[in-house]
Amino acid sequence: MGEVKSSKIEAKRVCIYPKDVQILTGKSERSARKIIARLKLIHSKEKHQLVTIKELCDYLGLEEMEVRKLLI
């Protein structure tokens, strides 16, 4: 039999959700949603557009690599 090579595809997330903000900040779901809404307003995003991890990190003053480690 031939050797089967498994290719590990590492998923790299770009967007952030209220639950992620809750985990990172310890805030309530409502507060996390307000942060997301504020970021959308600041970046002139429409309701259906997503907020990136980078945008959140810039806003909160967090290191992006540290946040990515926590979200894995």
N, C-alpha and C. Protein backbone atom coordinates (compact mmCIF):
# COMPACT_ATOMS: atom_id res chain seq x y z
N MET A 1 0.83 -1.18 0.00
CA MET A 1 0.00 0.00 0.00
C MET A 1 0.87 1.24 0.00
N GLY A 2 0.39 2.29 -0.66
CA GLY A 2 1.13 3.55 -0.71
C GLY A 2 0.97 4.34 0.58
N GLU A 3 1.93 5.16 0.80
CA GLU A 3 1.91 6.00 2.01
C GLU A 3 0.97 7.18 1.77
N VAL A 4 0.08 7.40 2.73
CA VAL A 4 -0.86 8.50 2.63
C VAL A 4 -0.29 9.67 3.41
N LYS A 5 -0.09 10.75 2.70
CA LYS A 5 0.42 11.96 3.35
C LYS A 5 -0.76 12.85 3.71
N SER A 6 -0.80 13.23 4.97
CA SER A 6 -1.88 14.12 5.37
C SER A 6 -1.36 15.55 5.31
N SER A 7 -2.11 16.36 4.66
CA SER A 7 -1.71 17.77 4.60
C SER A 7 -2.58 18.53 5.58
N LYS A 8 -1.93 19.14 6.51
CA LYS A 8 -2.65 19.88 7.54
C LYS A 8 -2.85 21.31 7.04
N ILE A 9 -4.09 21.66 6.87
CA ILE A 9 -4.41 23.01 6.45
C ILE A 9 -4.76 23.80 7.70
N GLU A 10 -3.97 24.81 7.97
CA GLU A 10 -4.19 25.62 9.15
C GLU A 10 -5.16 26.75 8.82
N ALA A 11 -6.29 26.73 9.48
CA ALA A 11 -7.29 27.77 9.25
C ALA A 11 -6.88 29.03 9.99
N LYS A 12 -6.78 30.11 9.28
CA LYS A 12 -6.44 31.38 9.89
C LYS A 12 -7.66 32.28 9.80
N ARG A 13 -8.19 32.59 10.94
CA ARG A 13 -9.37 33.44 10.98
C ARG A 13 -8.98 34.89 10.77
N VAL A 14 -9.86 35.60 10.15
CA VAL A 14 -9.64 37.01 9.91
C VAL A 14 -10.64 37.84 10.71
N CYS A 15 -11.86 37.35 10.83
CA CYS A 15 -12.90 38.13 11.48
C CYS A 15 -13.06 37.76 12.95
N ILE A 16 -13.71 38.66 13.66
CA ILE A 16 -13.91 38.48 15.10
C ILE A 16 -15.41 38.58 15.39
N TYR A 17 -15.86 37.84 16.38
CA TYR A 17 -17.26 37.80 16.75
C TYR A 17 -17.44 38.22 18.20
N PRO A 18 -18.65 38.60 18.60
CA PRO A 18 -18.88 39.02 19.98
C PRO A 18 -18.40 38.00 21.03
N LYS A 19 -18.56 36.72 20.76
CA LYS A 19 -18.11 35.70 21.72
C LYS A 19 -16.60 35.78 21.92
N ASP A 20 -15.87 36.06 20.84
CA ASP A 20 -14.42 36.21 20.94
C ASP A 20 -14.07 37.42 21.81
N VAL A 21 -14.80 38.51 21.60
CA VAL A 21 -14.56 39.74 22.40
C VAL A 21 -14.84 39.44 23.87
N GLN A 22 -15.89 38.66 24.15
CA GLN A 22 -16.20 38.27 25.53
C GLN A 22 -15.03 37.51 26.15
N ILE A 23 -14.51 36.55 25.42
CA ILE A 23 -13.41 35.72 25.92
C ILE A 23 -12.17 36.57 26.18
N LEU A 24 -11.87 37.49 25.27
CA LEU A 24 -10.67 38.30 25.38
C LEU A 24 -10.75 39.36 26.48
N THR A 25 -11.94 39.93 26.67
CA THR A 25 -12.06 41.07 27.58
C THR A 25 -12.77 40.74 28.90
N GLY A 26 -13.53 39.65 28.92
CA GLY A 26 -14.29 39.33 30.12
C GLY A 26 -15.58 40.14 30.23
N LYS A 27 -15.93 40.83 29.17
CA LYS A 27 -17.14 41.65 29.18
C LYS A 27 -18.37 40.80 28.85
N SER A 28 -19.54 41.37 29.10
CA SER A 28 -20.79 40.68 28.81
C SER A 28 -21.02 40.64 27.30
N GLU A 29 -21.99 39.82 26.90
CA GLU A 29 -22.31 39.71 25.46
C GLU A 29 -22.78 41.06 24.92
N ARG A 30 -23.58 41.75 25.68
CA ARG A 30 -24.08 43.06 25.24
C ARG A 30 -22.94 44.05 25.04
N SER A 31 -22.01 44.09 25.98
CA SER A 31 -20.85 44.99 25.86
C SER A 31 -19.98 44.61 24.67
N ALA A 32 -19.83 43.32 24.44
CA ALA A 32 -19.04 42.83 23.31
C ALA A 32 -19.69 43.25 22.00
N ARG A 33 -21.01 43.16 21.93
CA ARG A 33 -21.73 43.58 20.73
C ARG A 33 -21.59 45.09 20.50
N LYS A 34 -21.57 45.85 21.59
CA LYS A 34 -21.39 47.30 21.47
C LYS A 34 -20.00 47.64 20.92
N ILE A 35 -18.99 46.89 21.35
CA ILE A 35 -17.64 47.11 20.85
C ILE A 35 -17.59 46.83 19.35
N ILE A 36 -18.20 45.73 18.93
CA ILE A 36 -18.24 45.39 17.50
C ILE A 36 -18.98 46.49 16.72
N ALA A 37 -20.11 46.94 17.26
CA ALA A 37 -20.88 48.00 16.60
C ALA A 37 -20.08 49.29 16.50
N ARG A 38 -19.35 49.63 17.56
CA ARG A 38 -18.52 50.83 17.56
C ARG A 38 -17.43 50.74 16.51
N LEU A 39 -16.81 49.57 16.39
CA LEU A 39 -15.77 49.37 15.39
C LEU A 39 -16.33 49.49 13.97
N LYS A 40 -17.52 48.97 13.76
CA LYS A 40 -18.15 49.10 12.45
C LYS A 40 -18.40 50.57 12.11
N LEU A 41 -18.82 51.35 13.12
CA LEU A 41 -19.06 52.77 12.92
C LEU A 41 -17.75 53.51 12.61
N ILE A 42 -16.72 53.23 13.38
CA ILE A 42 -15.40 53.86 13.20
C ILE A 42 -14.84 53.58 11.81
N HIS A 43 -15.00 52.34 11.34
CA HIS A 43 -14.42 51.93 10.06
C HIS A 43 -15.42 52.04 8.90
N SER A 44 -16.54 52.72 9.15
CA SER A 44 -17.56 52.95 8.12
C SER A 44 -17.98 51.66 7.42
N LYS A 45 -18.25 50.65 8.22
CA LYS A 45 -18.68 49.36 7.67
C LYS A 45 -20.20 49.28 7.68
N GLU A 46 -20.71 48.53 6.73
CA GLU A 46 -22.15 48.30 6.68
C GLU A 46 -22.50 47.17 7.65
N LYS A 47 -23.78 47.03 7.91
CA LYS A 47 -24.26 46.06 8.90
C LYS A 47 -23.79 44.63 8.62
N HIS A 48 -23.74 44.26 7.35
CA HIS A 48 -23.38 42.88 6.98
C HIS A 48 -21.86 42.64 6.95
N GLN A 49 -21.05 43.70 7.03
CA GLN A 49 -19.61 43.54 6.95
C GLN A 49 -19.02 43.15 8.30
N LEU A 50 -17.94 42.39 8.26
CA LEU A 50 -17.32 41.86 9.47
C LEU A 50 -16.18 42.74 9.96
N VAL A 51 -15.88 42.60 11.24
CA VAL A 51 -14.76 43.30 11.86
C VAL A 51 -13.59 42.33 11.93
N THR A 52 -12.39 42.81 11.62
CA THR A 52 -11.22 41.94 11.64
C THR A 52 -10.56 41.93 13.01
N ILE A 53 -9.76 40.90 13.22
CA ILE A 53 -9.00 40.78 14.47
C ILE A 53 -8.05 41.97 14.59
N LYS A 54 -7.44 42.38 13.49
CA LYS A 54 -6.52 43.51 13.50
C LYS A 54 -7.23 44.80 13.94
N GLU A 55 -8.42 45.03 13.43
CA GLU A 55 -9.17 46.23 13.80
C GLU A 55 -9.48 46.23 15.29
N LEU A 56 -9.87 45.08 15.83
CA LEU A 56 -10.15 44.97 17.26
C LEU A 56 -8.89 45.23 18.08
N CYS A 57 -7.79 44.63 17.68
CA CYS A 57 -6.54 44.79 18.42
C CYS A 57 -6.07 46.24 18.42
N ASP A 58 -6.18 46.90 17.27
CA ASP A 58 -5.81 48.31 17.19
C ASP A 58 -6.68 49.14 18.13
N TYR A 59 -7.96 48.84 18.16
CA TYR A 59 -8.91 49.58 19.00
C TYR A 59 -8.66 49.37 20.49
N LEU A 60 -8.42 48.12 20.87
CA LEU A 60 -8.23 47.79 22.29
C LEU A 60 -6.79 47.93 22.76
N GLY A 61 -5.86 48.12 21.81
CA GLY A 61 -4.45 48.24 22.18
C GLY A 61 -3.83 46.91 22.57
N LEU A 62 -4.26 45.84 21.91
CA LEU A 62 -3.74 44.50 22.20
C LEU A 62 -2.79 44.05 21.10
N GLU A 63 -1.89 43.15 21.44
CA GLU A 63 -0.97 42.57 20.46
C GLU A 63 -1.74 41.52 19.64
N GLU A 64 -1.70 41.68 18.33
CA GLU A 64 -2.45 40.78 17.46
C GLU A 64 -2.03 39.32 17.60
N MET A 65 -0.73 39.07 17.71
CA MET A 65 -0.25 37.68 17.83
C MET A 65 -0.74 37.03 19.12
N GLU A 66 -0.77 37.79 20.21
CA GLU A 66 -1.26 37.26 21.49
C GLU A 66 -2.75 36.91 21.38
N VAL A 67 -3.50 37.76 20.74
CA VAL A 67 -4.94 37.52 20.58
C VAL A 67 -5.16 36.29 19.71
N ARG A 68 -4.40 36.16 18.63
CA ARG A 68 -4.55 34.99 17.75
C ARG A 68 -4.24 33.70 18.49
N LYS A 69 -3.25 33.73 19.37
CA LYS A 69 -2.92 32.54 20.17
C LYS A 69 -4.09 32.15 21.06
N LEU A 70 -4.74 33.14 21.65
CA LEU A 70 -5.86 32.87 22.54
C LEU A 70 -7.09 32.35 21.80
N LEU A 71 -7.23 32.74 20.55
CA LEU A 71 -8.42 32.34 19.78
C LEU A 71 -8.29 30.99 19.11
N ILE A 72 -7.13 30.37 19.16
CA ILE A 72 -6.92 29.05 18.53
C ILE A 72 -7.59 27.99 19.37
